[in-house]
Amino acid sequence: MQTIAAFFCVSPRLLVKENSLTAQPYAGQILRIPSAKGNAYTVREGDTKALLCGSEGRFERLNGTQDFYVGMSVRI
């Protein structure tokens, strides 16, 4: 799931929600990819949610997750 989500720059939670998944997707399964809102960005050391999106709440709404770590692809 992480690999698919990262490839399309969406959070795993959004992918699960969009497809009503209750288990890991299987090979050959067709998935809906949520439309992107904002620009893709890779988190760097020193970045914060508020710095990238104006507030932690806005970051979490755009990305569908509270996760935040260096190297993570996010929407800003």
N, C-alpha and C. Protein backbone atom coordinates (compact mmCIF):
# COMPACT_ATOMS: atom_id res chain seq x y z
N MET A 1 0.82 -1.19 0.00
CA MET A 1 0.00 0.00 0.00
C MET A 1 0.87 1.25 0.00
N GLN A 2 1.90 1.27 0.85
CA GLN A 2 2.79 2.43 0.94
C GLN A 2 3.43 2.73 -0.42
N THR A 3 3.85 1.71 -1.12
CA THR A 3 4.53 1.89 -2.40
C THR A 3 3.57 2.49 -3.43
N ILE A 4 2.36 2.00 -3.48
CA ILE A 4 1.37 2.52 -4.43
C ILE A 4 1.06 3.98 -4.09
N ALA A 5 0.83 4.25 -2.83
CA ALA A 5 0.50 5.61 -2.39
C ALA A 5 1.65 6.57 -2.70
N ALA A 6 2.86 6.16 -2.40
CA ALA A 6 4.03 7.01 -2.65
C ALA A 6 4.20 7.28 -4.15
N PHE A 7 3.98 6.27 -4.97
CA PHE A 7 4.13 6.43 -6.41
C PHE A 7 3.20 7.52 -6.95
N PHE A 8 1.97 7.57 -6.42
CA PHE A 8 0.98 8.54 -6.89
C PHE A 8 0.92 9.79 -6.02
N CYS A 9 1.83 9.92 -5.05
CA CYS A 9 1.89 11.08 -4.15
C CYS A 9 0.57 11.32 -3.43
N VAL A 10 -0.02 10.25 -2.92
CA VAL A 10 -1.20 10.36 -2.08
C VAL A 10 -0.93 9.59 -0.79
N SER A 11 -1.65 9.91 0.24
CA SER A 11 -1.44 9.19 1.50
C SER A 11 -2.11 7.82 1.41
N PRO A 12 -1.56 6.83 2.12
CA PRO A 12 -2.19 5.51 2.15
C PRO A 12 -3.63 5.59 2.65
N ARG A 13 -3.89 6.47 3.63
CA ARG A 13 -5.25 6.60 4.17
C ARG A 13 -6.24 7.06 3.10
N LEU A 14 -5.83 8.01 2.27
CA LEU A 14 -6.71 8.46 1.19
C LEU A 14 -6.97 7.34 0.19
N LEU A 15 -5.94 6.56 -0.11
CA LEU A 15 -6.09 5.44 -1.04
C LEU A 15 -7.07 4.41 -0.48
N VAL A 16 -6.94 4.10 0.79
CA VAL A 16 -7.85 3.15 1.45
C VAL A 16 -9.27 3.69 1.42
N LYS A 17 -9.43 4.96 1.80
CA LYS A 17 -10.76 5.58 1.84
C LYS A 17 -11.41 5.61 0.47
N GLU A 18 -10.65 6.05 -0.53
CA GLU A 18 -11.19 6.18 -1.90
C GLU A 18 -11.66 4.84 -2.45
N ASN A 19 -11.01 3.74 -2.03
CA ASN A 19 -11.31 2.42 -2.57
C ASN A 19 -12.05 1.51 -1.59
N SER A 20 -12.40 2.04 -0.42
CA SER A 20 -13.10 1.25 0.61
C SER A 20 -12.38 -0.06 0.90
N LEU A 21 -11.06 0.01 0.99
CA LEU A 21 -10.26 -1.20 1.21
C LEU A 21 -10.35 -1.65 2.66
N THR A 22 -10.46 -2.96 2.85
CA THR A 22 -10.42 -3.55 4.19
C THR A 22 -9.23 -4.49 4.33
N ALA A 23 -8.51 -4.68 3.21
CA ALA A 23 -7.31 -5.53 3.19
C ALA A 23 -6.34 -4.94 2.16
N GLN A 24 -5.13 -5.47 2.15
CA GLN A 24 -4.14 -5.02 1.17
C GLN A 24 -4.66 -5.28 -0.24
N PRO A 25 -4.40 -4.36 -1.17
CA PRO A 25 -4.82 -4.62 -2.55
C PRO A 25 -4.06 -5.81 -3.13
N TYR A 26 -4.67 -6.50 -4.06
CA TYR A 26 -4.04 -7.67 -4.67
C TYR A 26 -3.56 -7.32 -6.08
N ALA A 27 -2.65 -8.12 -6.59
CA ALA A 27 -2.12 -7.90 -7.94
C ALA A 27 -3.26 -7.94 -8.95
N GLY A 28 -3.32 -6.92 -9.80
CA GLY A 28 -4.35 -6.85 -10.83
C GLY A 28 -5.59 -6.09 -10.41
N GLN A 29 -5.70 -5.77 -9.12
CA GLN A 29 -6.87 -5.02 -8.65
C GLN A 29 -6.83 -3.59 -9.21
N ILE A 30 -7.96 -3.11 -9.64
CA ILE A 30 -8.06 -1.74 -10.16
C ILE A 30 -8.40 -0.82 -9.00
N LEU A 31 -7.57 0.21 -8.81
CA LEU A 31 -7.77 1.16 -7.73
C LEU A 31 -8.06 2.55 -8.28
N ARG A 32 -8.90 3.28 -7.59
CA ARG A 32 -9.13 4.69 -7.90
C ARG A 32 -8.08 5.50 -7.16
N ILE A 33 -7.43 6.41 -7.87
CA ILE A 33 -6.42 7.28 -7.27
C ILE A 33 -7.09 8.62 -7.01
N PRO A 34 -7.09 9.07 -5.73
CA PRO A 34 -7.72 10.36 -5.43
C PRO A 34 -7.06 11.49 -6.21
N SER A 35 -7.87 12.46 -6.62
CA SER A 35 -7.32 13.59 -7.36
C SER A 35 -6.39 14.40 -6.46
N ALA A 36 -5.37 14.91 -7.04
CA ALA A 36 -4.36 15.67 -6.30
C ALA A 36 -4.84 17.08 -6.05
N LYS A 37 -4.61 17.57 -4.85
CA LYS A 37 -4.89 18.95 -4.49
C LYS A 37 -3.57 19.53 -4.03
N GLY A 38 -3.10 20.53 -4.70
CA GLY A 38 -1.83 21.12 -4.31
C GLY A 38 -0.68 20.55 -5.10
N ASN A 39 0.51 20.95 -4.73
CA ASN A 39 1.72 20.52 -5.41
C ASN A 39 2.43 19.44 -4.60
N ALA A 40 3.06 18.51 -5.29
CA ALA A 40 3.83 17.48 -4.61
C ALA A 40 5.15 18.07 -4.11
N TYR A 41 5.57 17.64 -2.94
CA TYR A 41 6.80 18.13 -2.32
C TYR A 41 7.37 17.01 -1.48
N THR A 42 8.69 16.90 -1.43
CA THR A 42 9.36 15.93 -0.57
C THR A 42 9.87 16.65 0.67
N VAL A 43 9.44 16.18 1.84
CA VAL A 43 9.80 16.81 3.11
C VAL A 43 11.31 16.74 3.33
N ARG A 44 11.88 17.87 3.75
CA ARG A 44 13.31 17.96 4.06
C ARG A 44 13.49 18.26 5.53
N GLU A 45 14.69 18.03 6.02
CA GLU A 45 15.00 18.32 7.42
C GLU A 45 14.75 19.80 7.69
N GLY A 46 14.09 20.11 8.79
CA GLY A 46 13.78 21.49 9.16
C GLY A 46 12.38 21.92 8.75
N ASP A 47 11.73 21.17 7.85
CA ASP A 47 10.36 21.49 7.44
C ASP A 47 9.39 21.17 8.58
N THR A 48 8.29 21.89 8.63
CA THR A 48 7.20 21.58 9.55
C THR A 48 5.89 21.61 8.77
N LYS A 49 4.87 21.01 9.34
CA LYS A 49 3.55 21.01 8.68
C LYS A 49 3.07 22.45 8.47
N ALA A 50 3.23 23.26 9.51
CA ALA A 50 2.77 24.65 9.42
C ALA A 50 3.57 25.45 8.40
N LEU A 51 4.86 25.20 8.31
CA LEU A 51 5.70 25.90 7.35
C LEU A 51 5.27 25.58 5.92
N LEU A 52 4.95 24.33 5.65
CA LEU A 52 4.59 23.91 4.30
C LEU A 52 3.17 24.27 3.90
N CYS A 53 2.23 24.24 4.86
CA CYS A 53 0.82 24.39 4.50
C CYS A 53 0.10 25.51 5.26
N GLY A 54 0.80 26.23 6.10
CA GLY A 54 0.16 27.32 6.83
C GLY A 54 -0.34 26.93 8.20
N SER A 55 -0.70 25.68 8.38
CA SER A 55 -1.13 25.17 9.68
C SER A 55 -1.06 23.64 9.66
N GLU A 56 -0.99 23.06 10.86
CA GLU A 56 -0.97 21.60 10.94
C GLU A 56 -2.28 21.02 10.42
N GLY A 57 -3.40 21.67 10.76
CA GLY A 57 -4.71 21.18 10.32
C GLY A 57 -4.85 21.15 8.81
N ARG A 58 -4.38 22.19 8.14
CA ARG A 58 -4.46 22.24 6.68
C ARG A 58 -3.58 21.15 6.08
N PHE A 59 -2.38 20.95 6.63
CA PHE A 59 -1.51 19.88 6.16
C PHE A 59 -2.23 18.54 6.24
N GLU A 60 -2.84 18.26 7.39
CA GLU A 60 -3.50 16.97 7.60
C GLU A 60 -4.72 16.80 6.69
N ARG A 61 -5.45 17.87 6.41
CA ARG A 61 -6.58 17.79 5.48
C ARG A 61 -6.10 17.50 4.06
N LEU A 62 -5.04 18.18 3.62
CA LEU A 62 -4.52 17.97 2.26
C LEU A 62 -3.94 16.58 2.06
N ASN A 63 -3.28 16.06 3.11
CA ASN A 63 -2.55 14.81 2.98
C ASN A 63 -3.26 13.61 3.59
N GLY A 64 -4.32 13.84 4.34
CA GLY A 64 -5.09 12.74 4.91
C GLY A 64 -4.36 11.93 5.95
N THR A 65 -3.36 12.53 6.59
CA THR A 65 -2.58 11.82 7.59
C THR A 65 -1.93 12.80 8.56
N GLN A 66 -1.60 12.32 9.73
CA GLN A 66 -0.85 13.11 10.70
C GLN A 66 0.64 12.81 10.57
N ASP A 67 0.99 11.79 9.80
CA ASP A 67 2.40 11.42 9.61
C ASP A 67 3.17 12.57 9.00
N PHE A 68 4.44 12.68 9.37
CA PHE A 68 5.30 13.72 8.83
C PHE A 68 6.75 13.32 9.10
N TYR A 69 7.51 13.05 8.04
CA TYR A 69 8.90 12.64 8.21
C TYR A 69 9.71 13.02 6.98
N VAL A 70 11.01 13.17 7.19
CA VAL A 70 11.93 13.53 6.11
C VAL A 70 11.86 12.46 5.01
N GLY A 71 11.73 12.91 3.76
CA GLY A 71 11.65 12.00 2.63
C GLY A 71 10.22 11.68 2.20
N MET A 72 9.26 12.06 3.02
CA MET A 72 7.86 11.79 2.73
C MET A 72 7.37 12.70 1.59
N SER A 73 6.62 12.16 0.64
CA SER A 73 6.00 12.96 -0.41
C SER A 73 4.68 13.47 0.11
N VAL A 74 4.50 14.80 0.04
CA VAL A 74 3.28 15.41 0.58
C VAL A 74 2.71 16.40 -0.43
N ARG A 75 1.48 16.80 -0.18
CA ARG A 75 0.83 17.87 -0.96
C ARG A 75 0.93 19.15 -0.18
N ILE A 76 1.25 20.23 -0.88
CA ILE A 76 1.32 21.53 -0.21
C ILE A 76 0.46 22.54 -0.96
